[in-house]
Amino acid sequence: MFRRTFWFTAGAAAGVWATAKVNRKLKQLAPESLAAQAADKAVEAGHRLKDFALDVRANMQQREAELGEALGLDVPQPEPGRELPAAHRPTALGPRTATSRTTPYSISYNRNEDH
C-alpha cells in the first residue's frame, strides 16, 4: 500500500514539474517573448560595440602619444571643437597648383583596360 502511494505521489510530482517546465518553455518561445529577447540582445550588442569603439579610440590616442614621445614629436593636439587654421589644413582633394608635381603621362590603374 505504501509503495503504491509513494509511486503515485512521485509520478504526480514529476507530472507537475514536467508540465511547469513545458509551459515555461512555451512562454519563452512565444512571438512576443522572442521579440523582446531579440530587442534585448540588440541593445546589448549596441552597448558592446560602443564600449569597443571607445576602447579603440582611447588606445589609439594613447599609442599616438607613445609614438610621438618616442619620435620626439611635440605636436600640440587641437582642442575639441576647434579647427586648424587654413594654412595647416590638409588639402588632399584640393585643386592642383603649378608647384605640384605632375607627370607627362597618366597611369591608369584600371585592370580591365588592357583586356
N, C-alpha and C. Protein backbone atom coordinates (compact mmCIF):
# COMPACT_ATOMS: atom_id res chain seq x y z
N MET A 1 0.80 -1.19 0.00
CA MET A 1 0.00 0.00 0.00
C MET A 1 0.85 1.27 0.00
N PHE A 2 1.89 1.25 0.87
CA PHE A 2 2.74 2.44 0.92
C PHE A 2 3.57 2.59 -0.36
N ARG A 3 3.92 1.49 -0.99
CA ARG A 3 4.65 1.56 -2.26
C ARG A 3 3.81 2.24 -3.32
N ARG A 4 2.58 1.85 -3.41
CA ARG A 4 1.69 2.46 -4.41
C ARG A 4 1.52 3.95 -4.14
N THR A 5 1.34 4.31 -2.91
CA THR A 5 1.18 5.73 -2.55
C THR A 5 2.44 6.52 -2.90
N PHE A 6 3.61 5.92 -2.58
CA PHE A 6 4.88 6.60 -2.89
C PHE A 6 5.02 6.83 -4.39
N TRP A 7 4.79 5.79 -5.18
CA TRP A 7 4.97 5.91 -6.62
C TRP A 7 3.89 6.81 -7.25
N PHE A 8 2.69 6.80 -6.72
CA PHE A 8 1.66 7.69 -7.22
C PHE A 8 2.05 9.15 -6.94
N THR A 9 2.55 9.42 -5.74
CA THR A 9 2.98 10.78 -5.39
C THR A 9 4.18 11.20 -6.24
N ALA A 10 5.14 10.29 -6.42
CA ALA A 10 6.32 10.60 -7.23
C ALA A 10 5.90 10.89 -8.68
N GLY A 11 4.99 10.13 -9.23
CA GLY A 11 4.51 10.34 -10.60
C GLY A 11 3.76 11.65 -10.74
N ALA A 12 2.93 11.96 -9.74
CA ALA A 12 2.19 13.23 -9.78
C ALA A 12 3.15 14.41 -9.70
N ALA A 13 4.16 14.32 -8.84
CA ALA A 13 5.15 15.40 -8.72
C ALA A 13 5.94 15.56 -10.02
N ALA A 14 6.31 14.43 -10.63
CA ALA A 14 7.04 14.50 -11.91
C ALA A 14 6.16 15.11 -12.99
N GLY A 15 4.88 14.77 -13.00
CA GLY A 15 3.96 15.34 -13.98
C GLY A 15 3.79 16.85 -13.80
N VAL A 16 3.64 17.30 -12.55
CA VAL A 16 3.53 18.74 -12.28
C VAL A 16 4.81 19.45 -12.69
N TRP A 17 5.95 18.87 -12.34
CA TRP A 17 7.24 19.50 -12.70
C TRP A 17 7.39 19.59 -14.22
N ALA A 18 7.08 18.51 -14.93
CA ALA A 18 7.22 18.50 -16.39
C ALA A 18 6.24 19.48 -17.04
N THR A 19 5.02 19.56 -16.53
CA THR A 19 4.05 20.49 -17.07
C THR A 19 4.52 21.94 -16.88
N ALA A 20 5.02 22.24 -15.70
CA ALA A 20 5.51 23.59 -15.43
C ALA A 20 6.69 23.93 -16.35
N LYS A 21 7.58 22.98 -16.54
CA LYS A 21 8.75 23.21 -17.39
C LYS A 21 8.32 23.43 -18.84
N VAL A 22 7.38 22.64 -19.35
CA VAL A 22 6.90 22.79 -20.72
C VAL A 22 6.20 24.14 -20.89
N ASN A 23 5.35 24.52 -19.93
CA ASN A 23 4.67 25.81 -20.02
C ASN A 23 5.66 26.97 -20.00
N ARG A 24 6.70 26.87 -19.19
CA ARG A 24 7.73 27.92 -19.15
C ARG A 24 8.44 28.03 -20.50
N LYS A 25 8.74 26.89 -21.10
CA LYS A 25 9.41 26.89 -22.41
C LYS A 25 8.51 27.44 -23.50
N LEU A 26 7.22 27.12 -23.44
CA LEU A 26 6.27 27.65 -24.41
C LEU A 26 6.16 29.17 -24.31
N LYS A 27 6.19 29.69 -23.09
CA LYS A 27 6.15 31.15 -22.92
C LYS A 27 7.41 31.80 -23.49
N GLN A 28 8.56 31.13 -23.33
CA GLN A 28 9.81 31.66 -23.88
C GLN A 28 9.78 31.67 -25.40
N LEU A 29 9.09 30.73 -26.00
CA LEU A 29 9.05 30.63 -27.46
C LEU A 29 7.89 31.38 -28.09
N ALA A 30 7.12 32.08 -27.30
CA ALA A 30 6.02 32.88 -27.83
C ALA A 30 6.60 34.04 -28.65
N PRO A 31 5.90 34.49 -29.69
CA PRO A 31 6.43 35.57 -30.54
C PRO A 31 6.77 36.84 -29.76
N GLU A 32 5.94 37.21 -28.80
CA GLU A 32 6.21 38.42 -28.02
C GLU A 32 7.50 38.28 -27.22
N SER A 33 7.67 37.10 -26.63
CA SER A 33 8.87 36.86 -25.84
C SER A 33 10.12 36.83 -26.72
N LEU A 34 10.01 36.21 -27.89
CA LEU A 34 11.15 36.17 -28.81
C LEU A 34 11.51 37.57 -29.28
N ALA A 35 10.51 38.41 -29.55
CA ALA A 35 10.78 39.79 -29.98
C ALA A 35 11.47 40.56 -28.86
N ALA A 36 11.01 40.38 -27.63
CA ALA A 36 11.64 41.07 -26.50
C ALA A 36 13.08 40.60 -26.31
N GLN A 37 13.31 39.30 -26.45
CA GLN A 37 14.67 38.78 -26.32
C GLN A 37 15.58 39.33 -27.41
N ALA A 38 15.07 39.40 -28.64
CA ALA A 38 15.86 39.92 -29.74
C ALA A 38 16.19 41.40 -29.52
N ALA A 39 15.23 42.16 -29.03
CA ALA A 39 15.47 43.57 -28.75
C ALA A 39 16.51 43.74 -27.65
N ASP A 40 16.43 42.92 -26.62
CA ASP A 40 17.42 42.99 -25.53
C ASP A 40 18.81 42.64 -26.05
N LYS A 41 18.90 41.63 -26.89
CA LYS A 41 20.20 41.25 -27.45
C LYS A 41 20.76 42.36 -28.34
N ALA A 42 19.88 43.02 -29.11
CA ALA A 42 20.33 44.10 -29.98
C ALA A 42 20.85 45.28 -29.16
N VAL A 43 20.15 45.62 -28.09
CA VAL A 43 20.60 46.71 -27.23
C VAL A 43 21.94 46.35 -26.58
N GLU A 44 22.05 45.12 -26.13
CA GLU A 44 23.30 44.66 -25.51
C GLU A 44 24.46 44.71 -26.51
N ALA A 45 24.20 44.28 -27.74
CA ALA A 45 25.24 44.33 -28.78
C ALA A 45 25.63 45.77 -29.08
N GLY A 46 24.66 46.67 -29.10
CA GLY A 46 24.96 48.08 -29.32
C GLY A 46 25.85 48.64 -28.23
N HIS A 47 25.57 48.29 -26.99
CA HIS A 47 26.40 48.76 -25.88
C HIS A 47 27.81 48.20 -25.98
N ARG A 48 27.91 46.93 -26.37
CA ARG A 48 29.24 46.33 -26.52
C ARG A 48 30.03 47.00 -27.64
N LEU A 49 29.36 47.30 -28.76
CA LEU A 49 30.04 47.98 -29.87
C LEU A 49 30.49 49.38 -29.46
N LYS A 50 29.66 50.08 -28.72
CA LYS A 50 30.02 51.42 -28.26
C LYS A 50 31.23 51.35 -27.32
N ASP A 51 31.20 50.41 -26.39
CA ASP A 51 32.34 50.24 -25.48
C ASP A 51 33.60 49.88 -26.25
N PHE A 52 33.47 49.01 -27.26
CA PHE A 52 34.62 48.64 -28.07
C PHE A 52 35.18 49.85 -28.80
N ALA A 53 34.30 50.66 -29.40
CA ALA A 53 34.76 51.84 -30.13
C ALA A 53 35.45 52.83 -29.20
N LEU A 54 34.92 53.00 -28.00
CA LEU A 54 35.56 53.91 -27.03
C LEU A 54 36.92 53.37 -26.59
N ASP A 55 37.02 52.06 -26.40
CA ASP A 55 38.31 51.46 -26.04
C ASP A 55 39.32 51.63 -27.17
N VAL A 56 38.88 51.41 -28.41
CA VAL A 56 39.78 51.57 -29.55
C VAL A 56 40.27 53.02 -29.64
N ARG A 57 39.36 53.97 -29.48
CA ARG A 57 39.74 55.38 -29.56
C ARG A 57 40.73 55.76 -28.46
N ALA A 58 40.47 55.30 -27.23
CA ALA A 58 41.36 55.61 -26.12
C ALA A 58 42.74 54.99 -26.34
N ASN A 59 42.77 53.72 -26.77
CA ASN A 59 44.06 53.07 -27.01
C ASN A 59 44.79 53.69 -28.20
N MET A 60 44.04 54.14 -29.21
CA MET A 60 44.66 54.79 -30.35
C MET A 60 45.33 56.10 -29.92
N GLN A 61 44.64 56.88 -29.10
CA GLN A 61 45.23 58.13 -28.64
C GLN A 61 46.44 57.87 -27.76
N GLN A 62 46.35 56.84 -26.93
CA GLN A 62 47.49 56.50 -26.08
C GLN A 62 48.68 56.08 -26.92
N ARG A 63 48.45 55.26 -27.93
CA ARG A 63 49.54 54.79 -28.78
C ARG A 63 50.14 55.94 -29.59
N GLU A 64 49.30 56.85 -30.07
CA GLU A 64 49.81 58.01 -30.80
C GLU A 64 50.69 58.86 -29.90
N ALA A 65 50.29 59.01 -28.64
CA ALA A 65 51.12 59.78 -27.70
C ALA A 65 52.45 59.07 -27.45
N GLU A 66 52.40 57.73 -27.32
CA GLU A 66 53.65 56.98 -27.11
C GLU A 66 54.57 57.13 -28.32
N LEU A 67 54.02 57.02 -29.52
CA LEU A 67 54.84 57.17 -30.72
C LEU A 67 55.39 58.59 -30.85
N GLY A 68 54.56 59.56 -30.49
CA GLY A 68 55.02 60.94 -30.53
C GLY A 68 56.19 61.17 -29.58
N GLU A 69 56.11 60.60 -28.39
CA GLU A 69 57.21 60.72 -27.43
C GLU A 69 58.45 59.99 -27.94
N ALA A 70 58.26 58.81 -28.51
CA ALA A 70 59.40 58.03 -29.00
C ALA A 70 60.10 58.73 -30.16
N LEU A 71 59.35 59.42 -31.01
CA LEU A 71 59.93 60.11 -32.15
C LEU A 71 60.34 61.55 -31.83
N GLY A 72 60.02 61.99 -30.64
CA GLY A 72 60.38 63.34 -30.25
C GLY A 72 59.48 64.40 -30.87
N LEU A 73 58.29 64.04 -31.19
CA LEU A 73 57.34 64.99 -31.76
C LEU A 73 56.51 65.59 -30.64
N ASP A 74 56.57 66.88 -30.51
CA ASP A 74 55.76 67.57 -29.52
C ASP A 74 54.73 68.42 -30.23
N VAL A 75 53.86 67.77 -30.97
CA VAL A 75 52.82 68.47 -31.71
C VAL A 75 51.64 68.67 -30.77
N PRO A 76 51.26 69.93 -30.53
CA PRO A 76 50.10 70.14 -29.67
C PRO A 76 48.83 69.67 -30.37
N GLN A 77 48.01 68.97 -29.63
CA GLN A 77 46.76 68.47 -30.18
C GLN A 77 45.73 69.59 -30.15
N PRO A 78 44.95 69.73 -31.22
CA PRO A 78 43.92 70.77 -31.20
C PRO A 78 42.85 70.45 -30.17
N GLU A 79 42.30 71.50 -29.58
CA GLU A 79 41.25 71.31 -28.60
C GLU A 79 39.98 70.84 -29.32
N PRO A 80 39.20 70.03 -28.67
CA PRO A 80 37.96 69.57 -29.31
C PRO A 80 37.06 70.76 -29.66
N GLY A 81 36.53 70.75 -30.85
CA GLY A 81 35.64 71.81 -31.27
C GLY A 81 36.34 72.93 -32.01
N ARG A 82 37.67 72.95 -32.00
CA ARG A 82 38.41 74.00 -32.70
C ARG A 82 39.05 73.39 -33.93
N GLU A 83 39.00 74.12 -35.03
CA GLU A 83 39.61 73.64 -36.27
C GLU A 83 41.01 74.20 -36.41
N LEU A 84 41.79 73.53 -37.25
CA LEU A 84 43.12 74.03 -37.55
C LEU A 84 43.01 75.27 -38.45
N PRO A 85 44.00 76.16 -38.40
CA PRO A 85 43.98 77.30 -39.31
C PRO A 85 44.04 76.81 -40.76
N ALA A 86 43.61 77.64 -41.68
CA ALA A 86 43.53 77.26 -43.09
C ALA A 86 44.88 76.84 -43.65
N ALA A 87 45.97 77.44 -43.20
CA ALA A 87 47.30 77.13 -43.73
C ALA A 87 47.74 75.72 -43.35
N HIS A 88 47.23 75.17 -42.26
CA HIS A 88 47.64 73.85 -41.80
C HIS A 88 46.65 72.77 -42.14
N ARG A 89 45.54 73.12 -42.73
CA ARG A 89 44.53 72.15 -43.08
C ARG A 89 44.99 71.33 -44.29
N PRO A 90 44.93 70.02 -44.25
CA PRO A 90 45.35 69.23 -45.42
C PRO A 90 44.36 69.41 -46.56
N THR A 91 44.91 69.47 -47.76
CA THR A 91 44.06 69.63 -48.95
C THR A 91 44.30 68.44 -49.86
N ALA A 92 43.81 67.30 -49.45
CA ALA A 92 44.03 66.08 -50.23
C ALA A 92 43.31 66.12 -51.56
N LEU A 93 42.13 66.69 -51.60
CA LEU A 93 41.36 66.69 -52.83
C LEU A 93 41.26 68.09 -53.43
N GLY A 94 42.12 68.97 -53.00
CA GLY A 94 42.06 70.35 -53.47
C GLY A 94 42.56 70.48 -54.90
N PRO A 95 42.45 71.68 -55.49
CA PRO A 95 42.89 71.87 -56.87
C PRO A 95 44.41 71.79 -56.97
N ARG A 96 44.89 71.37 -58.13
CA ARG A 96 46.33 71.27 -58.36
C ARG A 96 46.87 72.66 -58.67
N THR A 97 48.02 72.93 -58.15
CA THR A 97 48.67 74.22 -58.41
C THR A 97 49.87 73.99 -59.29
N ALA A 98 50.50 75.08 -59.71
CA ALA A 98 51.66 74.98 -60.60
C ALA A 98 52.85 74.36 -59.88
N THR A 99 52.90 74.44 -58.58
CA THR A 99 54.04 73.89 -57.85
C THR A 99 53.90 72.40 -57.57
N SER A 100 52.73 71.83 -57.81
CA SER A 100 52.57 70.40 -57.55
C SER A 100 53.23 69.60 -58.67
N ARG A 101 53.71 68.41 -58.31
CA ARG A 101 54.39 67.56 -59.29
C ARG A 101 53.38 66.94 -60.23
N THR A 102 53.66 67.01 -61.48
CA THR A 102 52.82 66.35 -62.48
C THR A 102 53.72 65.48 -63.34
N THR A 103 53.17 64.44 -63.89
CA THR A 103 53.93 63.56 -64.76
C THR A 103 53.48 63.79 -66.20
N PRO A 104 54.37 63.56 -67.17
CA PRO A 104 53.99 63.79 -68.56
C PRO A 104 53.00 62.76 -69.08
N TYR A 105 52.81 61.67 -68.39
CA TYR A 105 51.88 60.65 -68.83
C TYR A 105 50.97 60.30 -67.65
N SER A 106 49.86 59.73 -67.97
CA SER A 106 48.94 59.34 -66.89
C SER A 106 49.00 57.82 -66.72
N ILE A 107 48.94 57.39 -65.49
CA ILE A 107 48.97 55.96 -65.17
C ILE A 107 47.55 55.53 -64.89
N SER A 108 47.12 54.52 -65.62
CA SER A 108 45.78 54.00 -65.41
C SER A 108 45.87 52.78 -64.51
N TYR A 109 45.06 52.77 -63.48
CA TYR A 109 45.03 51.63 -62.57
C TYR A 109 43.84 50.73 -62.85
N ASN A 110 43.21 50.91 -63.99
CA ASN A 110 42.07 50.09 -64.36
C ASN A 110 42.58 48.77 -64.94
N ARG A 111 42.35 47.67 -64.22
CA ARG A 111 42.87 46.39 -64.66
C ARG A 111 42.14 45.85 -65.88
N ASN A 112 40.94 46.34 -66.14
CA ASN A 112 40.15 45.86 -67.27
C ASN A 112 40.48 46.61 -68.56
N GLU A 113 41.34 47.59 -68.51
CA GLU A 113 41.61 48.42 -69.66
C GLU A 113 42.34 47.66 -70.77
N ASP A 114 43.25 46.77 -70.41
CA ASP A 114 44.04 46.06 -71.40
C ASP A 114 43.38 44.78 -71.90
N HIS A 115 42.26 44.42 -71.41
CA HIS A 115 41.65 43.14 -71.75
C HIS A 115 40.54 43.29 -72.73
